[in-house]
C-alpha atoms as a PDB file:
ATOM      1  CA  UNK A   1       0.000   0.000   0.000  1.00  0.00           C
ATOM      2  CA  UNK A   2       1.290   3.518  -0.779  1.00  0.00           C
ATOM      3  CA  UNK A   3       2.380   5.581   2.182  1.00  0.00           C
ATOM      4  CA  UNK A   4       0.459   8.726   3.079  1.00  0.00           C
ATOM      5  CA  UNK A   5       1.566  11.805   1.143  1.00  0.00           C
ATOM      6  CA  UNK A   6       4.286  13.726   3.019  1.00  0.00           C
ATOM      7  CA  UNK A   7       5.850  17.104   2.315  1.00  0.00           C
ATOM      8  CA  UNK A   8       9.354  17.035   0.815  1.00  0.00           C
ATOM      9  CA  UNK A   9      11.741  19.396  -0.895  1.00  0.00           C
ATOM     10  CA  UNK A  10      12.172  17.978  -4.379  1.00  0.00           C
ATOM     11  CA  UNK A  11      15.392  18.275  -6.388  1.00  0.00           C
ATOM     12  CA  UNK A  12      15.841  16.863  -9.874  1.00  0.00           C
ATOM     13  CA  UNK A  13      19.177  16.916 -11.663  1.00  0.00           C
ATOM     14  CA  UNK A  14      19.720  15.915 -15.255  1.00  0.00           C
ATOM     15  CA  UNK A  15      22.864  15.528 -17.380  1.00  0.00           C
ATOM     16  CA  UNK A  16      22.926  17.772 -20.440  1.00  0.00           C
ATOM     17  CA  UNK A  17      23.073  15.954 -23.825  1.00  0.00           C
ATOM     18  CA  UNK A  18      23.226  12.542 -22.152  1.00  0.00           C
ATOM     19  CA  UNK A  19      21.472  10.571 -24.901  1.00  0.00           C
ATOM     20  CA  UNK A  20      23.855  11.909 -27.551  1.00  0.00           C
ATOM     21  CA  UNK A  21      26.786  10.004 -25.981  1.00  0.00           C
ATOM     22  CA  UNK A  22      27.914   6.458 -26.667  1.00  0.00           C
ATOM     23  CA  UNK A  23      26.931   3.668 -24.279  1.00  0.00           C
ATOM     24  CA  UNK A  24      30.386   3.526 -22.613  1.00  0.00           C
ATOM     25  CA  UNK A  25      30.349   7.298 -22.088  1.00  0.00           C
ATOM     26  CA  UNK A  26      26.834   7.144 -20.662  1.00  0.00           C
ATOM     27  CA  UNK A  27      27.933   4.542 -18.118  1.00  0.00           C
ATOM     28  CA  UNK A  28      30.925   6.653 -17.158  1.00  0.00           C
ATOM     29  CA  UNK A  29      28.826   9.814 -16.896  1.00  0.00           C
ATOM     30  CA  UNK A  30      26.318   8.079 -14.626  1.00  0.00           C
ATOM     31  CA  UNK A  31      29.092   7.011 -12.265  1.00  0.00           C
ATOM     32  CA  UNK A  32      30.502  10.542 -12.297  1.00  0.00           C
ATOM     33  CA  UNK A  33      27.025  11.995 -11.676  1.00  0.00           C
ATOM     34  CA  UNK A  34      26.705   9.977  -8.472  1.00  0.00           C
ATOM     35  CA  UNK A  35      30.254  10.931  -7.455  1.00  0.00           C
ATOM     36  CA  UNK A  36      29.293  14.593  -7.788  1.00  0.00           C
ATOM     37  CA  UNK A  37      25.964  14.162  -6.001  1.00  0.00           C
ATOM     38  CA  UNK A  38      27.484  12.319  -3.041  1.00  0.00           C
ATOM     39  CA  UNK A  39      30.325  14.822  -2.675  1.00  0.00           C
ATOM     40  CA  UNK A  40      27.984  17.815  -2.990  1.00  0.00           C
ATOM     41  CA  UNK A  41      25.521  16.525  -0.385  1.00  0.00           C
ATOM     42  CA  UNK A  42      28.386  15.945   2.019  1.00  0.00           C
ATOM     43  CA  UNK A  43      29.978  19.336   1.257  1.00  0.00           C
ATOM     44  CA  UNK A  44      26.634  21.079   1.805  1.00  0.00           C
ATOM     45  CA  UNK A  45      26.378  19.515   5.260  1.00  0.00           C
ATOM     46  CA  UNK A  46      23.153  17.611   4.591  1.00  0.00           C
ATOM     47  CA  UNK A  47      22.778  14.347   6.569  1.00  0.00           C
ATOM     48  CA  UNK A  48      22.569  11.288   4.346  1.00  0.00           C
ATOM     49  CA  UNK A  49      19.532   9.970   6.214  1.00  0.00           C
ATOM     50  CA  UNK A  50      17.571  13.161   5.444  1.00  0.00           C
ATOM     51  CA  UNK A  51      17.084  12.291   1.791  1.00  0.00           C
ATOM     52  CA  UNK A  52      16.165   9.518  -0.605  1.00  0.00           C
ATOM     53  CA  UNK A  53      17.071   9.199  -4.269  1.00  0.00           C
ATOM     54  CA  UNK A  54      15.470   7.528  -7.247  1.00  0.00           C
ATOM     55  CA  UNK A  55      17.563   6.820 -10.320  1.00  0.00           C
ATOM     56  CA  UNK A  56      16.271   8.210 -13.629  1.00  0.00           C
ATOM     57  CA  UNK A  57      18.946   7.024 -16.036  1.00  0.00           C
ATOM     58  CA  UNK A  58      20.272  10.377 -17.196  1.00  0.00           C
ATOM     59  CA  UNK A  59      19.476  12.025 -13.884  1.00  0.00           C
ATOM     60  CA  UNK A  60      18.340  11.625 -10.293  1.00  0.00           C
ATOM     61  CA  UNK A  61      15.192  12.467  -8.345  1.00  0.00           C
ATOM     62  CA  UNK A  62      16.145  13.522  -4.809  1.00  0.00           C
ATOM     63  CA  UNK A  63      13.593  13.835  -2.012  1.00  0.00           C
ATOM     64  CA  UNK A  64      14.748  15.899   0.977  1.00  0.00           C
ATOM     65  CA  UNK A  65      12.803  15.623   4.195  1.00  0.00           C
ATOM     66  CA  UNK A  66      10.871  18.681   5.293  1.00  0.00           C
ATOM     67  CA  UNK A  67      13.296  19.530   8.106  1.00  0.00           C
ATOM     68  CA  UNK A  68      16.139  20.203   5.638  1.00  0.00           C
ATOM     69  CA  UNK A  69      16.381  24.007   5.307  1.00  0.00           C
ATOM     70  CA  UNK A  70      15.459  25.025   1.743  1.00  0.00           C
ATOM     71  CA  UNK A  71      18.042  27.826   1.884  1.00  0.00           C
ATOM     72  CA  UNK A  72      20.644  25.071   2.281  1.00  0.00           C
ATOM     73  CA  UNK A  73      19.387  23.480  -0.934  1.00  0.00           C
ATOM     74  CA  UNK A  74      19.179  26.657  -3.022  1.00  0.00           C
ATOM     75  CA  UNK A  75      22.450  27.948  -1.593  1.00  0.00           C
ATOM     76  CA  UNK A  76      24.995  25.456  -0.271  1.00  0.00           C
ATOM     77  CA  UNK A  77      23.891  22.448  -2.332  1.00  0.00           C
ATOM     78  CA  UNK A  78      23.789  24.285  -5.670  1.00  0.00           C
ATOM     79  CA  UNK A  79      27.173  25.850  -4.934  1.00  0.00           C
ATOM     80  CA  UNK A  80      28.611  22.441  -3.966  1.00  0.00           C
ATOM     81  CA  UNK A  81      27.280  20.820  -7.141  1.00  0.00           C
ATOM     82  CA  UNK A  82      28.945  23.557  -9.174  1.00  0.00           C
ATOM     83  CA  UNK A  83      32.236  23.128  -7.276  1.00  0.00           C
ATOM     84  CA  UNK A  84      32.239  19.359  -7.747  1.00  0.00           C
ATOM     85  CA  UNK A  85      31.429  19.670 -11.445  1.00  0.00           C
ATOM     86  CA  UNK A  86      34.351  22.091 -11.782  1.00  0.00           C
ATOM     87  CA  UNK A  87      36.671  19.469 -10.290  1.00  0.00           C
ATOM     88  CA  UNK A  88      35.412  16.858 -12.757  1.00  0.00           C
ATOM     89  CA  UNK A  89      35.780  19.279 -15.681  1.00  0.00           C
ATOM     90  CA  UNK A  90      39.464  19.675 -14.890  1.00  0.00           C
ATOM     91  CA  UNK A  91      40.119  16.001 -15.726  1.00  0.00           C
ATOM     92  CA  UNK A  92      37.346  15.129 -18.206  1.00  0.00           C
ATOM     93  CA  UNK A  93      37.808  15.310 -21.973  1.00  0.00           C
ATOM     94  CA  UNK A  94      35.466  17.390 -24.124  1.00  0.00           C
ATOM     95  CA  UNK A  95      33.653  14.226 -25.205  1.00  0.00           C
ATOM     96  CA  UNK A  96      33.074  13.407 -21.534  1.00  0.00           C
ATOM     97  CA  UNK A  97      31.985  16.920 -20.527  1.00  0.00           C
ATOM     98  CA  UNK A  98      29.258  16.830 -17.877  1.00  0.00           C
ATOM     99  CA  UNK A  99      26.894  19.701 -17.095  1.00  0.00           C
ATOM    100  CA  UNK A 100      23.679  19.620 -15.058  1.00  0.00           C
ATOM    101  CA  UNK A 101      20.247  21.118 -15.227  1.00  0.00           C
ATOM    102  CA  UNK A 102      18.908  21.265 -11.658  1.00  0.00           C
ATOM    103  CA  UNK A 103      15.367  22.012 -10.451  1.00  0.00           C
ATOM    104  CA  UNK A 104      14.005  22.683  -6.956  1.00  0.00           C
ATOM    105  CA  UNK A 105      10.337  22.406  -6.013  1.00  0.00           C
ATOM    106  CA  UNK A 106       8.316  21.364  -2.963  1.00  0.00           C
ATOM    107  CA  UNK A 107       5.104  19.558  -2.166  1.00  0.00           C
ATOM    108  CA  UNK A 108       3.396  16.361  -1.129  1.00  0.00           C
ATOM    109  CA  UNK A 109       4.759  13.068  -2.435  1.00  0.00           C
ATOM    110  CA  UNK A 110       3.736   9.460  -1.876  1.00  0.00           C
ATOM    111  CA  UNK A 111       5.941   6.389  -1.804  1.00  0.00           C
ATOM    112  CA  UNK A 112       5.120   2.844  -2.854  1.00  0.00           C
ATOM    113  CA  UNK A 113       7.203  -0.255  -3.522  1.00  0.00           C
ATOM    114  CA  UNK A 114       8.395   1.164  -6.865  1.00  0.00           C
ATOM    115  CA  UNK A 115       9.270   4.717  -5.907  1.00  0.00           C
ATOM    116  CA  UNK A 116       7.835   8.190  -5.433  1.00  0.00           C
ATOM    117  CA  UNK A 117       4.945   9.962  -7.130  1.00  0.00           C
ATOM    118  CA  UNK A 118       2.772  13.047  -6.879  1.00  0.00           C
ATOM    119  CA  UNK A 119       1.909  16.187  -8.790  1.00  0.00           C
ATOM    120  CA  UNK A 120       4.813  18.012  -7.124  1.00  0.00           C
ATOM    121  CA  UNK A 121       7.223  15.417  -8.572  1.00  0.00           C
ATOM    122  CA  UNK A 122       5.681  15.912 -12.024  1.00  0.00           C
ATOM    123  CA  UNK A 123       6.159  19.669 -11.720  1.00  0.00           C
ATOM    124  CA  UNK A 124       9.804  19.272 -10.703  1.00  0.00           C
ATOM    125  CA  UNK A 125      10.470  17.192 -13.819  1.00  0.00           C
ATOM    126  CA  UNK A 126       8.672  19.699 -16.022  1.00  0.00           C
ATOM    127  CA  UNK A 127      10.906  22.412 -14.595  1.00  0.00           C
ATOM    128  CA  UNK A 128      14.170  20.545 -15.192  1.00  0.00           C
ATOM    129  CA  UNK A 129      13.046  19.615 -18.721  1.00  0.00           C
ATOM    130  CA  UNK A 130      11.843  23.120 -19.634  1.00  0.00           C
ATOM    131  CA  UNK A 131      13.085  24.489 -22.953  1.00  0.00           C
ATOM    132  CA  UNK A 132      14.031  27.881 -21.411  1.00  0.00           C
ATOM    133  CA  UNK A 133      16.346  26.146 -18.935  1.00  0.00           C
ATOM    134  CA  UNK A 134      17.890  24.011 -21.685  1.00  0.00           C
ATOM    135  CA  UNK A 135      18.445  27.106 -23.811  1.00  0.00           C
ATOM    136  CA  UNK A 136      20.033  29.051 -20.974  1.00  0.00           C
ATOM    137  CA  UNK A 137      22.517  26.263 -20.243  1.00  0.00           C
ATOM    138  CA  UNK A 138      23.271  25.862 -23.948  1.00  0.00           C
ATOM    139  CA  UNK A 139      24.042  29.579 -24.165  1.00  0.00           C
ATOM    140  CA  UNK A 140      26.155  29.704 -21.011  1.00  0.00           C
ATOM    141  CA  UNK A 141      29.454  28.429 -22.351  1.00  0.00           C
ATOM    142  CA  UNK A 142      31.365  28.885 -19.087  1.00  0.00           C
ATOM    143  CA  UNK A 143      28.670  27.331 -16.911  1.00  0.00           C
ATOM    144  CA  UNK A 144      28.686  23.903 -15.325  1.00  0.00           C
ATOM    145  CA  UNK A 145      25.022  23.962 -14.340  1.00  0.00           C
ATOM    146  CA  UNK A 146      21.804  25.933 -14.677  1.00  0.00           C
ATOM    147  CA  UNK A 147      19.388  26.001 -11.741  1.00  0.00           C
ATOM    148  CA  UNK A 148      15.635  26.629 -11.795  1.00  0.00           C
ATOM    149  CA  UNK A 149      13.428  27.092  -8.737  1.00  0.00           C
ATOM    150  CA  UNK A 150       9.654  26.906  -8.879  1.00  0.00           C
ATOM    151  CA  UNK A 151       7.703  30.099  -8.337  1.00  0.00           C
ATOM    152  CA  UNK A 152       6.565  28.794  -4.947  1.00  0.00           C
ATOM    153  CA  UNK A 153      10.143  28.216  -3.805  1.00  0.00           C
ATOM    154  CA  UNK A 154      11.299  31.552  -5.194  1.00  0.00           C
ATOM    155  CA  UNK A 155       8.587  33.486  -3.346  1.00  0.00           C
ATOM    156  CA  UNK A 156       8.912  31.555  -0.081  1.00  0.00           C
ATOM    157  CA  UNK A 157      12.697  31.238   0.056  1.00  0.00           C
ATOM    158  CA  UNK A 158      14.880  32.865  -2.578  1.00  0.00           C
ATOM    159  CA  UNK A 159      13.413  36.370  -2.830  1.00  0.00           C
ATOM    160  CA  UNK A 160      14.043  36.996   0.875  1.00  0.00           C
ATOM    161  CA  UNK A 161      17.757  37.517   0.215  1.00  0.00           C
ATOM    162  CA  UNK A 162      19.169  35.010   2.665  1.00  0.00           C
ATOM    163  CA  UNK A 163      22.910  35.200   3.122  1.00  0.00           C
ATOM    164  CA  UNK A 164      23.817  32.309   0.799  1.00  0.00           C
ATOM    165  CA  UNK A 165      21.239  33.048  -1.913  1.00  0.00           C
ATOM    166  CA  UNK A 166      21.278  36.017  -4.323  1.00  0.00           C
ATOM    167  CA  UNK A 167      17.779  36.750  -5.705  1.00  0.00           C
ATOM    168  CA  UNK A 168      19.222  39.404  -8.036  1.00  0.00           C
ATOM    169  CA  UNK A 169      20.904  36.618 -10.046  1.00  0.00           C
ATOM    170  CA  UNK A 170      17.535  35.048 -10.946  1.00  0.00           C
ATOM    171  CA  UNK A 171      15.219  35.816 -13.848  1.00  0.00           C
ATOM    172  CA  UNK A 172      11.721  34.391 -14.374  1.00  0.00           C
ATOM    173  CA  UNK A 173      10.521  32.190 -17.223  1.00  0.00           C
ATOM    174  CA  UNK A 174       6.940  31.135 -17.903  1.00  0.00           C
ATOM    175  CA  UNK A 175       6.350  28.202 -20.225  1.00  0.00           C
ATOM    176  CA  UNK A 176       3.604  25.827 -21.262  1.00  0.00           C
ATOM    177  CA  UNK A 177       4.136  22.217 -20.255  1.00  0.00           C
ATOM    178  CA  UNK A 178       2.239  19.030 -21.034  1.00  0.00           C
ATOM    179  CA  UNK A 179      -1.572  19.256 -21.082  1.00  0.00           C
ATOM    180  CA  UNK A 180      -1.371  23.035 -21.472  1.00  0.00           C
ATOM    181  CA  UNK A 181      -0.172  23.588 -17.902  1.00  0.00           C
ATOM    182  CA  UNK A 182       1.511  26.994 -17.538  1.00  0.00           C
ATOM    183  CA  UNK A 183       4.484  26.955 -15.166  1.00  0.00           C
ATOM    184  CA  UNK A 184       6.695  29.753 -13.888  1.00  0.00           C
ATOM    185  CA  UNK A 185      10.235  29.139 -12.733  1.00  0.00           C
ATOM    186  CA  UNK A 186      13.174  31.313 -11.720  1.00  0.00           C
ATOM    187  CA  UNK A 187      16.529  30.618 -13.343  1.00  0.00           C
ATOM    188  CA  UNK A 188      20.095  31.339 -12.253  1.00  0.00           C
ATOM    189  CA  UNK A 189      23.495  30.214 -13.529  1.00  0.00           C
ATOM    190  CA  UNK A 190      26.410  30.062 -11.058  1.00  0.00           C
ATOM    191  CA  UNK A 191      29.205  32.342 -12.226  1.00  0.00           C
ATOM    192  CA  UNK A 192      26.887  34.672 -14.160  1.00  0.00           C
ATOM    193  CA  UNK A 193      25.252  37.854 -12.789  1.00  0.00           C
ATOM    194  CA  UNK A 194      22.082  36.864 -14.698  1.00  0.00           C
ATOM    195  CA  UNK A 195      21.071  33.889 -16.857  1.00  0.00           C
ATOM    196  CA  UNK A 196      22.518  34.343 -20.365  1.00  0.00           C
ATOM    197  CA  UNK A 197      19.952  34.908 -23.098  1.00  0.00           C
ATOM    198  CA  UNK A 198      17.038  35.859 -20.861  1.00  0.00           C
ATOM    199  CA  UNK A 199      15.761  39.406 -21.182  1.00  0.00           C
ATOM    200  CA  UNK A 200      15.042  41.049 -17.794  1.00  0.00           C
ATOM    201  CA  UNK A 201      11.291  41.186 -17.268  1.00  0.00           C
ATOM    202  CA  UNK A 202      10.513  38.581 -19.925  1.00  0.00           C
ATOM    203  CA  UNK A 203       8.310  35.779 -18.699  1.00  0.00           C
ATOM    204  CA  UNK A 204       7.554  37.494 -15.385  1.00  0.00           C
ATOM    205  CA  UNK A 205       4.610  35.971 -13.511  1.00  0.00           C
ATOM    206  CA  UNK A 206       1.315  37.525 -14.517  1.00  0.00           C
ATOM    207  CA  UNK A 207       2.543  38.876 -17.852  1.00  0.00           C
ATOM    208  CA  UNK A 208       1.464  35.871 -19.882  1.00  0.00           C
ATOM    209  CA  UNK A 209       4.701  36.245 -21.839  1.00  0.00           C
ATOM    210  CA  UNK A 210       7.053  33.272 -22.148  1.00  0.00           C
ATOM    211  CA  UNK A 211      10.690  33.823 -21.286  1.00  0.00           C
ATOM    212  CA  UNK A 212      12.677  34.624 -24.442  1.00  0.00           C
ATOM    213  CA  UNK A 213      16.284  34.389 -25.490  1.00  0.00           C
ATOM    214  CA  UNK A 214      17.657  37.776 -26.420  1.00  0.00           C
ATOM    215  CA  UNK A 215      19.943  36.490 -29.134  1.00  0.00           C
ATOM    216  CA  UNK A 216      21.588  39.340 -30.938  1.00  0.00           C
ATOM    217  CA  UNK A 217      19.893  41.934 -28.745  1.00  0.00           C
ATOM    218  CA  UNK A 218      21.797  44.794 -27.190  1.00  0.00           C
ATOM    219  CA  UNK A 219      23.424  43.694 -23.975  1.00  0.00           C
ATOM    220  CA  UNK A 220      23.168  39.976 -24.736  1.00  0.00           C
ATOM    221  CA  UNK A 221      26.319  38.037 -23.779  1.00  0.00           C
ATOM    222  CA  UNK A 222      28.718  37.521 -26.675  1.00  0.00           C
ATOM    223  CA  UNK A 223      28.439  33.749 -26.383  1.00  0.00           C
ATOM    224  CA  UNK A 224      24.711  34.028 -27.160  1.00  0.00           C
ATOM    225  CA  UNK A 225      25.092  36.237 -30.257  1.00  0.00           C
ATOM    226  CA  UNK A 226      23.735  34.535 -33.331  1.00  0.00           C
ATOM    227  CA  UNK A 227      21.928  31.782 -31.410  1.00  0.00           C
ATOM    228  CA  UNK A 228      18.239  31.203 -32.147  1.00  0.00           C
ATOM    229  CA  UNK A 229      15.509  32.271 -29.778  1.00  0.00           C
ATOM    230  CA  UNK A 230      14.045  29.828 -27.295  1.00  0.00           C
ATOM    231  CA  UNK A 231      11.594  27.342 -28.794  1.00  0.00           C
ATOM    232  CA  UNK A 232       9.297  25.874 -26.172  1.00  0.00           C
ATOM    233  CA  UNK A 233       8.954  22.118 -26.616  1.00  0.00           C
ATOM    234  CA  UNK A 234       8.075  20.328 -23.403  1.00  0.00           C
ATOM    235  CA  UNK A 235       8.040  16.584 -23.976  1.00  0.00           C
ATOM    236  CA  UNK A 236       7.469  13.507 -21.928  1.00  0.00           C
ATOM    237  CA  UNK A 237       9.433  12.975 -18.741  1.00  0.00           C
ATOM    238  CA  UNK A 238      11.882  10.165 -19.355  1.00  0.00           C
ATOM    239  CA  UNK A 239      13.404   7.836 -16.835  1.00  0.00           C
ATOM    240  CA  UNK A 240      13.107   4.482 -15.190  1.00  0.00           C
ATOM    241  CA  UNK A 241       9.426   3.998 -14.313  1.00  0.00           C
ATOM    242  CA  UNK A 242      10.085   1.128 -11.940  1.00  0.00           C
ATOM    243  CA  UNK A 243      13.150   2.374 -10.132  1.00  0.00           C
ATOM    244  CA  UNK A 244      12.973   2.038  -6.381  1.00  0.00           C
ATOM    245  CA  UNK A 245      14.270   4.532  -3.904  1.00  0.00           C
ATOM    246  CA  UNK A 246      17.889   4.570  -2.880  1.00  0.00           C
ATOM    247  CA  UNK A 247      19.417   6.324   0.079  1.00  0.00           C
ATOM    248  CA  UNK A 248      22.483   8.512  -0.116  1.00  0.00           C
ATOM    249  CA  UNK A 249      24.839   7.577   2.719  1.00  0.00           C
ATOM    250  CA  UNK A 250      27.928   9.328   3.957  1.00  0.00           C
ATOM    251  CA  UNK A 251      31.143   7.436   3.315  1.00  0.00           C
ATOM    252  CA  UNK A 252      34.573   8.529   2.285  1.00  0.00           C
ATOM    253  CA  UNK A 253      35.382   8.109  -1.377  1.00  0.00           C
ATOM    254  CA  UNK A 254      33.383   6.247  -3.986  1.00  0.00           C
ATOM    255  CA  UNK A 255      30.143   7.173  -5.642  1.00  0.00           C
ATOM    256  CA  UNK A 256      26.652   7.046  -4.255  1.00  0.00           C
ATOM    257  CA  UNK A 257      25.414   3.809  -5.741  1.00  0.00           C
ATOM    258  CA  UNK A 258      22.070   3.694  -7.534  1.00  0.00           C
END
């Protein structure tokens, strides 16, 4: 029987361009992804027993218990993921380059013998798979990850300017997901004062205007010049539909095993 729905902080991370790699590279990237996740959780000071993970092939669904401070997730964890990706980038070849899209949401989730489910989980996957987030990461040549927080998390946590979180580095995007659902998220890219390719004010909640890439516009970063505008294609969420939950445990060295 499914457990009663319980509130969690929901993080989804996904490897950019995973399916374009060969099978051996995909296996290596998955191992490296868990190395980075384990090291980042430990570096952020989050207890291993305060979260559960569910493998999604090219990414991971991570459920943090309600007592984990969300500022720690939006601040220390995102920063630690970026740091650990930087360390990997120093030794990886271009063919093995690994960058993440990361989403943060919150809500009620239920657990059964095969894993976790709930509308909040669906929303988190729609955020991490959003075309605006993909486009921002594609345009941010120096970046190792792009991070998107749901509107609920932005309003409850990020906009309050906590010490480890800079709301000025975020810009909003509004996009249409599956079944015509309109979703607003707030995007930031570590190492950039603002997400490359997003025009300030575009896609702000209540405007009804999707976030747009300002390719070629005045003030757009040089690395975005000549790139096409964002095209919003939100597809199916992919992953392992029967994956069970796995716990991330603290131990020195070695990856977090799926």
